[in-house]
């Protein structure tokens, strides 16, 4: 089985279920948005919601993907940066508990955290303090970090640091790794369009995008965008929510039907799709099987609060994967 290395913002998610939208209005937070906040604002939001039950878990897009991969049974590591504080210690310990090998640099800045407010309709509103997470630099990367891995997965939220990405993909390729990139956010794609085209064309083997991201990257509807992206890399994946996903590699194109789910919280849905897909790829499964595993894991995670699932859910997933592989 291939080993997978991820790189992304090392964030700790603090998840709270709120009873209605009034809480969002009182905090002046647009529903469904992702707000970047400073440490002071993050603390203020946390204190305002002090009476709500909260759940903590390692977060960040690539971290969610890597955690999912280890829970599926593959070996994986994660590159990121945390502060020398309790949240940074939590991130490190939780990574170990999830079977992830952490390659973490340390900063004097407080660790990154994301307060996730989930309304009864499953919509999530994110208040993100990046902190130490966004201080990951090219000089933090070493050749040794990439040794022993086969696939390198990057979250798109990092692409604004061009030097970091260029260094990372160069080191990955020098070590013989396949490079996987999740475009992560349509606004990040729009702001870094030329750079993304360059990096994907020259270094990236696998691209994950949702409908909005694929439109931002190509200006095309999903099926046409899929073709355009696949012309730049080996495997292109375009996810279209409740309509499923499309996968293309060379002349092979597969449509994956969505898994029906009782959606509670969409946190981590795309990240866990990538986890299932890359896990399948690590076992050299067909594109169709990889896509079905991705759809399965993604469909399961929206039925729980946050991007982490209990052991019994992972047991169910493993049983369903056996059925997919043997069908």
C-alpha atoms as a PDB file:
ATOM      1  CA  UNK A   1       0.000   0.000   0.000  1.00  0.00           C
ATOM      2  CA  UNK A   2       1.244   3.478  -0.889  1.00  0.00           C
ATOM      3  CA  UNK A   3       1.917   6.000   1.895  1.00  0.00           C
ATOM      4  CA  UNK A   4       0.402   9.469   1.713  1.00  0.00           C
ATOM      5  CA  UNK A   5       1.789  12.793   2.983  1.00  0.00           C
ATOM      6  CA  UNK A   6      -0.395  15.864   3.395  1.00  0.00           C
ATOM      7  CA  UNK A   7       0.430  19.549   3.836  1.00  0.00           C
ATOM      8  CA  UNK A   8      -1.955  22.238   5.003  1.00  0.00           C
ATOM      9  CA  UNK A   9      -3.096  24.663   7.659  1.00  0.00           C
ATOM     10  CA  UNK A  10      -2.800  22.959  11.059  1.00  0.00           C
ATOM     11  CA  UNK A  11      -6.069  24.154  12.568  1.00  0.00           C
ATOM     12  CA  UNK A  12      -8.000  22.856  15.541  1.00  0.00           C
ATOM     13  CA  UNK A  13     -11.741  22.891  14.910  1.00  0.00           C
ATOM     14  CA  UNK A  14     -14.004  24.007  17.741  1.00  0.00           C
ATOM     15  CA  UNK A  15     -17.502  22.903  16.722  1.00  0.00           C
ATOM     16  CA  UNK A  16     -20.716  24.247  18.240  1.00  0.00           C
ATOM     17  CA  UNK A  17     -24.299  23.435  17.299  1.00  0.00           C
ATOM     18  CA  UNK A  18     -26.476  26.532  17.589  1.00  0.00           C
ATOM     19  CA  UNK A  19     -30.274  26.465  17.709  1.00  0.00           C
ATOM     20  CA  UNK A  20     -31.012  29.168  15.094  1.00  0.00           C
ATOM     21  CA  UNK A  21     -29.598  31.969  12.943  1.00  0.00           C
ATOM     22  CA  UNK A  22     -30.081  34.642  15.627  1.00  0.00           C
ATOM     23  CA  UNK A  23     -26.713  33.778  17.148  1.00  0.00           C
ATOM     24  CA  UNK A  24     -25.057  34.520  13.809  1.00  0.00           C
ATOM     25  CA  UNK A  25     -26.879  37.842  13.497  1.00  0.00           C
ATOM     26  CA  UNK A  26     -25.830  38.870  16.994  1.00  0.00           C
ATOM     27  CA  UNK A  27     -22.195  38.176  16.146  1.00  0.00           C
ATOM     28  CA  UNK A  28     -22.533  39.844  12.724  1.00  0.00           C
ATOM     29  CA  UNK A  29     -21.515  36.641  10.941  1.00  0.00           C
ATOM     30  CA  UNK A  30     -23.030  35.990   7.468  1.00  0.00           C
ATOM     31  CA  UNK A  31     -24.507  32.501   7.453  1.00  0.00           C
ATOM     32  CA  UNK A  32     -22.415  29.981   5.535  1.00  0.00           C
ATOM     33  CA  UNK A  33     -19.419  32.289   5.308  1.00  0.00           C
ATOM     34  CA  UNK A  34     -15.803  31.765   6.254  1.00  0.00           C
ATOM     35  CA  UNK A  35     -14.500  34.774   8.165  1.00  0.00           C
ATOM     36  CA  UNK A  36     -10.822  35.291   8.875  1.00  0.00           C
ATOM     37  CA  UNK A  37     -10.535  36.795  12.360  1.00  0.00           C
ATOM     38  CA  UNK A  38      -7.711  37.856  14.643  1.00  0.00           C
ATOM     39  CA  UNK A  39      -6.914  36.240  17.971  1.00  0.00           C
ATOM     40  CA  UNK A  40      -8.913  38.846  19.904  1.00  0.00           C
ATOM     41  CA  UNK A  41     -12.079  38.351  17.797  1.00  0.00           C
ATOM     42  CA  UNK A  42     -11.745  34.571  18.007  1.00  0.00           C
ATOM     43  CA  UNK A  43     -11.546  34.782  21.800  1.00  0.00           C
ATOM     44  CA  UNK A  44     -14.558  37.125  21.871  1.00  0.00           C
ATOM     45  CA  UNK A  45     -16.701  34.714  19.808  1.00  0.00           C
ATOM     46  CA  UNK A  46     -15.624  31.797  21.970  1.00  0.00           C
ATOM     47  CA  UNK A  47     -16.499  33.642  25.190  1.00  0.00           C
ATOM     48  CA  UNK A  48     -19.876  34.793  23.810  1.00  0.00           C
ATOM     49  CA  UNK A  49     -20.753  31.154  23.089  1.00  0.00           C
ATOM     50  CA  UNK A  50     -19.301  29.884  26.361  1.00  0.00           C
ATOM     51  CA  UNK A  51     -22.567  28.179  27.395  1.00  0.00           C
ATOM     52  CA  UNK A  52     -22.722  26.011  24.277  1.00  0.00           C
ATOM     53  CA  UNK A  53     -21.351  22.471  24.252  1.00  0.00           C
ATOM     54  CA  UNK A  54     -18.266  22.311  22.078  1.00  0.00           C
ATOM     55  CA  UNK A  55     -16.359  19.567  20.357  1.00  0.00           C
ATOM     56  CA  UNK A  56     -12.654  19.852  19.474  1.00  0.00           C
ATOM     57  CA  UNK A  57     -10.817  18.019  16.720  1.00  0.00           C
ATOM     58  CA  UNK A  58      -7.811  18.464  14.491  1.00  0.00           C
ATOM     59  CA  UNK A  59      -8.944  20.358  11.418  1.00  0.00           C
ATOM     60  CA  UNK A  60      -7.859  22.079   8.270  1.00  0.00           C
ATOM     61  CA  UNK A  61      -8.584  20.671   4.826  1.00  0.00           C
ATOM     62  CA  UNK A  62      -5.493  18.521   4.249  1.00  0.00           C
ATOM     63  CA  UNK A  63      -5.445  17.427   7.896  1.00  0.00           C
ATOM     64  CA  UNK A  64      -9.026  16.174   7.555  1.00  0.00           C
ATOM     65  CA  UNK A  65      -8.036  14.238   4.442  1.00  0.00           C
ATOM     66  CA  UNK A  66      -4.983  12.688   6.094  1.00  0.00           C
ATOM     67  CA  UNK A  67      -6.936  11.741   9.227  1.00  0.00           C
ATOM     68  CA  UNK A  68      -9.522  10.055   7.027  1.00  0.00           C
ATOM     69  CA  UNK A  69      -6.835   8.113   5.180  1.00  0.00           C
ATOM     70  CA  UNK A  70      -5.344   6.719   8.402  1.00  0.00           C
ATOM     71  CA  UNK A  71      -8.794   5.763   9.701  1.00  0.00           C
ATOM     72  CA  UNK A  72      -9.329   3.835   6.477  1.00  0.00           C
ATOM     73  CA  UNK A  73      -6.148   1.903   7.173  1.00  0.00           C
ATOM     74  CA  UNK A  74      -3.359   3.535   5.160  1.00  0.00           C
ATOM     75  CA  UNK A  75      -0.163   5.092   6.525  1.00  0.00           C
ATOM     76  CA  UNK A  76      -0.034   8.874   6.320  1.00  0.00           C
ATOM     77  CA  UNK A  77       1.811  11.924   7.598  1.00  0.00           C
ATOM     78  CA  UNK A  78       1.058  15.634   7.829  1.00  0.00           C
ATOM     79  CA  UNK A  79       3.187  18.774   7.416  1.00  0.00           C
ATOM     80  CA  UNK A  80       2.027  21.928   9.214  1.00  0.00           C
ATOM     81  CA  UNK A  81       2.854  24.545  11.839  1.00  0.00           C
ATOM     82  CA  UNK A  82       1.463  25.056  15.355  1.00  0.00           C
ATOM     83  CA  UNK A  83       2.123  27.323  18.312  1.00  0.00           C
ATOM     84  CA  UNK A  84       3.754  26.377  21.599  1.00  0.00           C
ATOM     85  CA  UNK A  85       0.421  26.292  23.420  1.00  0.00           C
ATOM     86  CA  UNK A  86      -2.339  23.945  24.568  1.00  0.00           C
ATOM     87  CA  UNK A  87      -4.090  23.973  21.192  1.00  0.00           C
ATOM     88  CA  UNK A  88      -0.831  23.116  19.442  1.00  0.00           C
ATOM     89  CA  UNK A  89      -0.277  20.275  21.906  1.00  0.00           C
ATOM     90  CA  UNK A  90      -3.842  19.079  21.303  1.00  0.00           C
ATOM     91  CA  UNK A  91      -3.258  19.059  17.539  1.00  0.00           C
ATOM     92  CA  UNK A  92      -0.052  17.041  17.944  1.00  0.00           C
ATOM     93  CA  UNK A  93      -1.560  14.523  20.367  1.00  0.00           C
ATOM     94  CA  UNK A  94      -4.785  14.128  18.394  1.00  0.00           C
ATOM     95  CA  UNK A  95      -2.761  13.490  15.231  1.00  0.00           C
ATOM     96  CA  UNK A  96      -0.853  10.708  16.980  1.00  0.00           C
ATOM     97  CA  UNK A  97      -4.093   9.221  18.312  1.00  0.00           C
ATOM     98  CA  UNK A  98      -5.502   9.177  14.788  1.00  0.00           C
ATOM     99  CA  UNK A  99      -2.448   7.317  13.507  1.00  0.00           C
ATOM    100  CA  UNK A 100      -0.980  10.297  11.657  1.00  0.00           C
ATOM    101  CA  UNK A 101       2.775  10.943  11.674  1.00  0.00           C
ATOM    102  CA  UNK A 102       3.045  14.711  12.365  1.00  0.00           C
ATOM    103  CA  UNK A 103       5.838  16.757  10.767  1.00  0.00           C
ATOM    104  CA  UNK A 104       5.107  19.984  12.659  1.00  0.00           C
ATOM    105  CA  UNK A 105       7.164  23.156  12.892  1.00  0.00           C
ATOM    106  CA  UNK A 106       6.731  25.343  15.979  1.00  0.00           C
ATOM    107  CA  UNK A 107       5.955  29.057  16.231  1.00  0.00           C
ATOM    108  CA  UNK A 108       5.753  31.643  18.997  1.00  0.00           C
ATOM    109  CA  UNK A 109       2.399  32.701  17.504  1.00  0.00           C
ATOM    110  CA  UNK A 110      -0.747  31.085  19.006  1.00  0.00           C
ATOM    111  CA  UNK A 111      -1.955  27.970  17.192  1.00  0.00           C
ATOM    112  CA  UNK A 112      -4.569  28.280  14.492  1.00  0.00           C
ATOM    113  CA  UNK A 113      -8.163  27.450  15.320  1.00  0.00           C
ATOM    114  CA  UNK A 114     -11.496  27.495  13.553  1.00  0.00           C
ATOM    115  CA  UNK A 115     -14.779  28.055  15.379  1.00  0.00           C
ATOM    116  CA  UNK A 116     -17.466  26.242  13.382  1.00  0.00           C
ATOM    117  CA  UNK A 117     -21.074  27.267  14.079  1.00  0.00           C
ATOM    118  CA  UNK A 118     -23.532  24.687  12.764  1.00  0.00           C
ATOM    119  CA  UNK A 119     -27.236  25.551  12.356  1.00  0.00           C
ATOM    120  CA  UNK A 120     -30.012  22.910  12.389  1.00  0.00           C
ATOM    121  CA  UNK A 121     -30.110  22.835   8.560  1.00  0.00           C
ATOM    122  CA  UNK A 122     -26.490  21.590   8.494  1.00  0.00           C
ATOM    123  CA  UNK A 123     -25.056  24.876   7.211  1.00  0.00           C
ATOM    124  CA  UNK A 124     -21.731  25.839   8.752  1.00  0.00           C
ATOM    125  CA  UNK A 125     -20.330  29.292   9.437  1.00  0.00           C
ATOM    126  CA  UNK A 126     -16.592  29.414  10.043  1.00  0.00           C
ATOM    127  CA  UNK A 127     -14.566  31.909  12.054  1.00  0.00           C
ATOM    128  CA  UNK A 128     -10.934  31.148  11.406  1.00  0.00           C
ATOM    129  CA  UNK A 129      -7.886  32.448  13.238  1.00  0.00           C
ATOM    130  CA  UNK A 130      -4.982  31.132  11.173  1.00  0.00           C
ATOM    131  CA  UNK A 131      -2.298  32.009  13.717  1.00  0.00           C
ATOM    132  CA  UNK A 132       0.787  29.820  13.489  1.00  0.00           C
ATOM    133  CA  UNK A 133      -0.803  27.685  10.748  1.00  0.00           C
ATOM    134  CA  UNK A 134      -0.284  30.343   8.071  1.00  0.00           C
ATOM    135  CA  UNK A 135       3.364  30.831   9.048  1.00  0.00           C
ATOM    136  CA  UNK A 136       4.454  27.591   7.362  1.00  0.00           C
ATOM    137  CA  UNK A 137       7.282  28.638   5.050  1.00  0.00           C
ATOM    138  CA  UNK A 138       9.388  27.092   2.317  1.00  0.00           C
ATOM    139  CA  UNK A 139      12.378  26.997   4.678  1.00  0.00           C
ATOM    140  CA  UNK A 140      10.399  24.799   7.103  1.00  0.00           C
ATOM    141  CA  UNK A 141      10.402  21.996   4.535  1.00  0.00           C
ATOM    142  CA  UNK A 142      13.154  19.398   4.407  1.00  0.00           C
ATOM    143  CA  UNK A 143      13.976  16.594   2.014  1.00  0.00           C
ATOM    144  CA  UNK A 144      13.586  14.053   4.847  1.00  0.00           C
ATOM    145  CA  UNK A 145       9.914  14.935   5.319  1.00  0.00           C
ATOM    146  CA  UNK A 146       9.107  13.434   1.913  1.00  0.00           C
ATOM    147  CA  UNK A 147      11.114  10.247   2.286  1.00  0.00           C
ATOM    148  CA  UNK A 148       9.125   7.014   2.464  1.00  0.00           C
ATOM    149  CA  UNK A 149       5.930   8.486   1.004  1.00  0.00           C
ATOM    150  CA  UNK A 150       4.344   7.869  -2.405  1.00  0.00           C
ATOM    151  CA  UNK A 151       1.626  10.534  -2.734  1.00  0.00           C
ATOM    152  CA  UNK A 152       1.774  14.185  -1.617  1.00  0.00           C
ATOM    153  CA  UNK A 153      -1.571  15.929  -1.054  1.00  0.00           C
ATOM    154  CA  UNK A 154      -1.823  19.729  -0.738  1.00  0.00           C
ATOM    155  CA  UNK A 155      -4.809  21.827   0.291  1.00  0.00           C
ATOM    156  CA  UNK A 156      -5.533  24.753  -1.995  1.00  0.00           C
ATOM    157  CA  UNK A 157      -5.735  27.246   0.871  1.00  0.00           C
ATOM    158  CA  UNK A 158      -1.921  27.281   0.880  1.00  0.00           C
ATOM    159  CA  UNK A 159      -1.454  28.332  -2.749  1.00  0.00           C
ATOM    160  CA  UNK A 160      -1.315  32.014  -1.893  1.00  0.00           C
ATOM    161  CA  UNK A 161       2.204  31.270  -0.606  1.00  0.00           C
ATOM    162  CA  UNK A 162       3.755  30.622  -4.011  1.00  0.00           C
ATOM    163  CA  UNK A 163       7.256  30.041  -2.682  1.00  0.00           C
ATOM    164  CA  UNK A 164       6.013  27.383  -0.231  1.00  0.00           C
ATOM    165  CA  UNK A 165       4.075  25.523  -2.921  1.00  0.00           C
ATOM    166  CA  UNK A 166       6.890  25.658  -5.488  1.00  0.00           C
ATOM    167  CA  UNK A 167       9.372  24.318  -2.943  1.00  0.00           C
ATOM    168  CA  UNK A 168       7.000  21.606  -1.727  1.00  0.00           C
ATOM    169  CA  UNK A 169       6.114  20.228  -5.164  1.00  0.00           C
ATOM    170  CA  UNK A 170       9.767  20.328  -6.231  1.00  0.00           C
ATOM    171  CA  UNK A 171      10.850  18.346  -3.156  1.00  0.00           C
ATOM    172  CA  UNK A 172       7.968  15.921  -3.668  1.00  0.00           C
ATOM    173  CA  UNK A 173       8.880  15.280  -7.289  1.00  0.00           C
ATOM    174  CA  UNK A 174      12.578  14.901  -6.445  1.00  0.00           C
ATOM    175  CA  UNK A 175      11.533  12.207  -3.949  1.00  0.00           C
ATOM    176  CA  UNK A 176       9.421  10.465  -6.604  1.00  0.00           C
ATOM    177  CA  UNK A 177       5.969  11.287  -5.192  1.00  0.00           C
ATOM    178  CA  UNK A 178       2.728  11.800  -7.090  1.00  0.00           C
ATOM    179  CA  UNK A 179       1.304  15.252  -6.309  1.00  0.00           C
ATOM    180  CA  UNK A 180      -2.367  15.765  -5.445  1.00  0.00           C
ATOM    181  CA  UNK A 181      -4.007  19.196  -5.110  1.00  0.00           C
ATOM    182  CA  UNK A 182      -7.450  20.112  -3.788  1.00  0.00           C
ATOM    183  CA  UNK A 183      -8.428  23.524  -5.159  1.00  0.00           C
ATOM    184  CA  UNK A 184     -10.252  24.186  -1.846  1.00  0.00           C
ATOM    185  CA  UNK A 185     -12.000  27.504  -2.577  1.00  0.00           C
ATOM    186  CA  UNK A 186     -13.210  29.310  -5.703  1.00  0.00           C
ATOM    187  CA  UNK A 187     -11.983  32.707  -4.462  1.00  0.00           C
ATOM    188  CA  UNK A 188      -8.475  31.323  -3.863  1.00  0.00           C
ATOM    189  CA  UNK A 189      -8.557  29.905  -7.407  1.00  0.00           C
ATOM    190  CA  UNK A 190      -9.612  33.266  -8.850  1.00  0.00           C
ATOM    191  CA  UNK A 191      -6.852  35.112  -6.988  1.00  0.00           C
ATOM    192  CA  UNK A 192      -4.106  32.665  -8.019  1.00  0.00           C
ATOM    193  CA  UNK A 193      -5.293  31.530 -11.441  1.00  0.00           C
ATOM    194  CA  UNK A 194      -2.080  31.928 -13.444  1.00  0.00           C
ATOM    195  CA  UNK A 195       0.022  30.358 -10.685  1.00  0.00           C
ATOM    196  CA  UNK A 196      -2.340  27.391 -10.375  1.00  0.00           C
ATOM    197  CA  UNK A 197      -2.274  26.746 -14.119  1.00  0.00           C
ATOM    198  CA  UNK A 198       1.525  26.793 -14.015  1.00  0.00           C
ATOM    199  CA  UNK A 199       1.848  24.475 -10.992  1.00  0.00           C
ATOM    200  CA  UNK A 200      -0.774  22.001 -12.158  1.00  0.00           C
ATOM    201  CA  UNK A 201       0.691  21.823 -15.649  1.00  0.00           C
ATOM    202  CA  UNK A 202       4.257  21.311 -14.425  1.00  0.00           C
ATOM    203  CA  UNK A 203       3.944  19.348 -11.165  1.00  0.00           C
ATOM    204  CA  UNK A 204       0.459  18.136 -10.240  1.00  0.00           C
ATOM    205  CA  UNK A 205      -0.804  14.632 -11.051  1.00  0.00           C
ATOM    206  CA  UNK A 206      -4.241  14.660  -9.352  1.00  0.00           C
ATOM    207  CA  UNK A 207      -6.668  17.613  -9.063  1.00  0.00           C
ATOM    208  CA  UNK A 208      -9.809  17.739  -6.911  1.00  0.00           C
ATOM    209  CA  UNK A 209     -12.336  20.528  -7.544  1.00  0.00           C
ATOM    210  CA  UNK A 210     -15.988  21.182  -6.829  1.00  0.00           C
ATOM    211  CA  UNK A 211     -18.351  22.837  -9.294  1.00  0.00           C
ATOM    212  CA  UNK A 212     -17.536  26.414  -8.222  1.00  0.00           C
ATOM    213  CA  UNK A 213     -13.785  25.815  -8.156  1.00  0.00           C
ATOM    214  CA  UNK A 214     -13.757  24.118 -11.551  1.00  0.00           C
ATOM    215  CA  UNK A 215     -15.726  27.053 -12.987  1.00  0.00           C
ATOM    216  CA  UNK A 216     -13.267  29.542 -11.457  1.00  0.00           C
ATOM    217  CA  UNK A 217     -10.351  27.566 -12.915  1.00  0.00           C
ATOM    218  CA  UNK A 218     -11.756  27.018 -16.430  1.00  0.00           C
ATOM    219  CA  UNK A 219     -14.881  29.174 -16.906  1.00  0.00           C
ATOM    220  CA  UNK A 220     -16.691  26.002 -17.951  1.00  0.00           C
ATOM    221  CA  UNK A 221     -19.539  23.780 -16.761  1.00  0.00           C
ATOM    222  CA  UNK A 222     -18.428  20.659 -14.805  1.00  0.00           C
ATOM    223  CA  UNK A 223     -18.124  18.117 -17.642  1.00  0.00           C
ATOM    224  CA  UNK A 224     -16.234  20.547 -19.885  1.00  0.00           C
ATOM    225  CA  UNK A 225     -14.104  21.714 -16.952  1.00  0.00           C
ATOM    226  CA  UNK A 226     -13.264  18.084 -16.226  1.00  0.00           C
ATOM    227  CA  UNK A 227     -11.841  17.668 -19.725  1.00  0.00           C
ATOM    228  CA  UNK A 228      -9.844  20.901 -19.522  1.00  0.00           C
ATOM    229  CA  UNK A 229      -8.351  20.026 -16.146  1.00  0.00           C
ATOM    230  CA  UNK A 230      -7.550  16.471 -17.241  1.00  0.00           C
ATOM    231  CA  UNK A 231      -5.525  17.907 -20.115  1.00  0.00           C
ATOM    232  CA  UNK A 232      -3.166  19.417 -17.518  1.00  0.00           C
ATOM    233  CA  UNK A 233      -2.761  16.427 -15.173  1.00  0.00           C
ATOM    234  CA  UNK A 234      -3.129  12.640 -14.946  1.00  0.00           C
ATOM    235  CA  UNK A 235      -6.383  12.474 -12.950  1.00  0.00           C
ATOM    236  CA  UNK A 236      -9.082  15.145 -12.692  1.00  0.00           C
ATOM    237  CA  UNK A 237     -11.973  14.935 -10.224  1.00  0.00           C
ATOM    238  CA  UNK A 238     -14.912  17.362 -10.313  1.00  0.00           C
ATOM    239  CA  UNK A 239     -17.452  17.031  -7.490  1.00  0.00           C
ATOM    240  CA  UNK A 240     -20.979  18.357  -8.029  1.00  0.00           C
ATOM    241  CA  UNK A 241     -22.555  17.895  -4.613  1.00  0.00           C
ATOM    242  CA  UNK A 242     -25.823  16.003  -4.609  1.00  0.00           C
ATOM    243  CA  UNK A 243     -25.279  15.144  -8.285  1.00  0.00           C
ATOM    244  CA  UNK A 244     -22.178  13.054  -7.502  1.00  0.00           C
ATOM    245  CA  UNK A 245     -18.809  13.459  -9.182  1.00  0.00           C
ATOM    246  CA  UNK A 246     -16.919  13.006 -12.436  1.00  0.00           C
ATOM    247  CA  UNK A 247     -13.442  11.514 -12.827  1.00  0.00           C
ATOM    248  CA  UNK A 248     -11.251  11.602 -15.933  1.00  0.00           C
ATOM    249  CA  UNK A 249      -7.829  10.169 -16.674  1.00  0.00           C
ATOM    250  CA  UNK A 250      -6.637  10.065 -20.261  1.00  0.00           C
ATOM    251  CA  UNK A 251      -9.470   8.590 -22.327  1.00  0.00           C
ATOM    252  CA  UNK A 252     -11.199   7.072 -19.292  1.00  0.00           C
ATOM    253  CA  UNK A 253     -14.121   8.985 -17.804  1.00  0.00           C
ATOM    254  CA  UNK A 254     -16.320   7.825 -14.924  1.00  0.00           C
ATOM    255  CA  UNK A 255     -19.447   9.291 -13.367  1.00  0.00           C
ATOM    256  CA  UNK A 256     -19.971   8.478  -9.696  1.00  0.00           C
ATOM    257  CA  UNK A 257     -23.501   8.563  -8.337  1.00  0.00           C
ATOM    258  CA  UNK A 258     -23.975  10.354  -5.006  1.00  0.00           C
ATOM    259  CA  UNK A 259     -24.628   8.471  -1.800  1.00  0.00           C
ATOM    260  CA  UNK A 260     -27.921   9.403  -0.198  1.00  0.00           C
ATOM    261  CA  UNK A 261     -27.247  10.929   3.217  1.00  0.00           C
ATOM    262  CA  UNK A 262     -29.060  12.570   6.104  1.00  0.00           C
ATOM    263  CA  UNK A 263     -27.046  15.788   6.123  1.00  0.00           C
ATOM    264  CA  UNK A 264     -26.355  17.331   9.527  1.00  0.00           C
ATOM    265  CA  UNK A 265     -23.118  19.202   8.817  1.00  0.00           C
ATOM    266  CA  UNK A 266     -21.180  19.537   5.551  1.00  0.00           C
ATOM    267  CA  UNK A 267     -17.858  20.154   7.341  1.00  0.00           C
ATOM    268  CA  UNK A 268     -15.121  18.054   5.736  1.00  0.00           C
ATOM    269  CA  UNK A 269     -17.257  16.545   2.959  1.00  0.00           C
ATOM    270  CA  UNK A 270     -14.810  17.423   0.195  1.00  0.00           C
ATOM    271  CA  UNK A 271     -11.813  16.583   2.366  1.00  0.00           C
ATOM    272  CA  UNK A 272     -13.161  13.117   3.140  1.00  0.00           C
ATOM    273  CA  UNK A 273     -13.999  12.500  -0.521  1.00  0.00           C
ATOM    274  CA  UNK A 274     -10.303  13.080  -1.242  1.00  0.00           C
ATOM    275  CA  UNK A 275      -9.410  10.741   1.640  1.00  0.00           C
ATOM    276  CA  UNK A 276     -11.492   7.914   0.211  1.00  0.00           C
ATOM    277  CA  UNK A 277     -10.260   8.493  -3.316  1.00  0.00           C
ATOM    278  CA  UNK A 278      -6.571   8.623  -2.365  1.00  0.00           C
ATOM    279  CA  UNK A 279      -6.975   5.559  -0.144  1.00  0.00           C
ATOM    280  CA  UNK A 280      -8.334   3.674  -3.130  1.00  0.00           C
ATOM    281  CA  UNK A 281      -5.487   4.983  -5.255  1.00  0.00           C
ATOM    282  CA  UNK A 282      -2.988   3.808  -2.630  1.00  0.00           C
ATOM    283  CA  UNK A 283      -4.370   0.295  -3.142  1.00  0.00           C
ATOM    284  CA  UNK A 284      -4.265   0.625  -6.949  1.00  0.00           C
ATOM    285  CA  UNK A 285      -8.049   0.342  -7.287  1.00  0.00           C
ATOM    286  CA  UNK A 286      -9.797   1.475 -10.482  1.00  0.00           C
ATOM    287  CA  UNK A 287     -10.947   5.089 -10.864  1.00  0.00           C
ATOM    288  CA  UNK A 288     -14.552   3.963 -10.424  1.00  0.00           C
ATOM    289  CA  UNK A 289     -13.809   2.160  -7.160  1.00  0.00           C
ATOM    290  CA  UNK A 290     -11.739   5.109  -5.908  1.00  0.00           C
ATOM    291  CA  UNK A 291     -14.636   7.454  -6.685  1.00  0.00           C
ATOM    292  CA  UNK A 292     -17.181   5.202  -5.007  1.00  0.00           C
ATOM    293  CA  UNK A 293     -15.060   5.027  -1.845  1.00  0.00           C
ATOM    294  CA  UNK A 294     -14.690   8.816  -1.901  1.00  0.00           C
ATOM    295  CA  UNK A 295     -18.450   9.232  -2.279  1.00  0.00           C
ATOM    296  CA  UNK A 296     -19.105   6.743   0.527  1.00  0.00           C
ATOM    297  CA  UNK A 297     -16.806   8.438   3.060  1.00  0.00           C
ATOM    298  CA  UNK A 298     -18.017  11.908   2.060  1.00  0.00           C
ATOM    299  CA  UNK A 299     -21.644  10.811   2.452  1.00  0.00           C
ATOM    300  CA  UNK A 300     -20.958   9.385   5.895  1.00  0.00           C
ATOM    301  CA  UNK A 301     -19.192  12.458   7.278  1.00  0.00           C
ATOM    302  CA  UNK A 302     -22.076  14.852   6.522  1.00  0.00           C
ATOM    303  CA  UNK A 303     -24.237  12.765   8.864  1.00  0.00           C
ATOM    304  CA  UNK A 304     -22.143  13.759  11.900  1.00  0.00           C
ATOM    305  CA  UNK A 305     -21.046  17.015  13.501  1.00  0.00           C
ATOM    306  CA  UNK A 306     -17.567  17.917  12.284  1.00  0.00           C
ATOM    307  CA  UNK A 307     -15.092  16.052  10.106  1.00  0.00           C
ATOM    308  CA  UNK A 308     -14.400  13.204  12.560  1.00  0.00           C
ATOM    309  CA  UNK A 309     -16.459  10.019  12.849  1.00  0.00           C
ATOM    310  CA  UNK A 310     -16.787   7.452  15.626  1.00  0.00           C
ATOM    311  CA  UNK A 311     -15.182   4.001  15.423  1.00  0.00           C
ATOM    312  CA  UNK A 312     -18.441   2.220  14.619  1.00  0.00           C
ATOM    313  CA  UNK A 313     -18.968   4.483  11.594  1.00  0.00           C
ATOM    314  CA  UNK A 314     -15.499   3.631  10.294  1.00  0.00           C
ATOM    315  CA  UNK A 315     -16.306  -0.061  10.811  1.00  0.00           C
ATOM    316  CA  UNK A 316     -19.443   0.371   8.690  1.00  0.00           C
ATOM    317  CA  UNK A 317     -17.391   2.184   6.049  1.00  0.00           C
ATOM    318  CA  UNK A 318     -14.830  -0.633   5.906  1.00  0.00           C
ATOM    319  CA  UNK A 319     -17.611  -3.184   5.444  1.00  0.00           C
ATOM    320  CA  UNK A 320     -19.173  -1.138   2.647  1.00  0.00           C
ATOM    321  CA  UNK A 321     -15.762  -0.723   0.984  1.00  0.00           C
ATOM    322  CA  UNK A 322     -15.443  -4.509   0.850  1.00  0.00           C
ATOM    323  CA  UNK A 323     -18.785  -4.657  -0.937  1.00  0.00           C
ATOM    324  CA  UNK A 324     -17.679  -1.952  -3.406  1.00  0.00           C
ATOM    325  CA  UNK A 325     -14.385  -3.714  -4.156  1.00  0.00           C
ATOM    326  CA  UNK A 326     -16.013  -7.115  -4.564  1.00  0.00           C
ATOM    327  CA  UNK A 327     -18.991  -5.967  -6.622  1.00  0.00           C
END
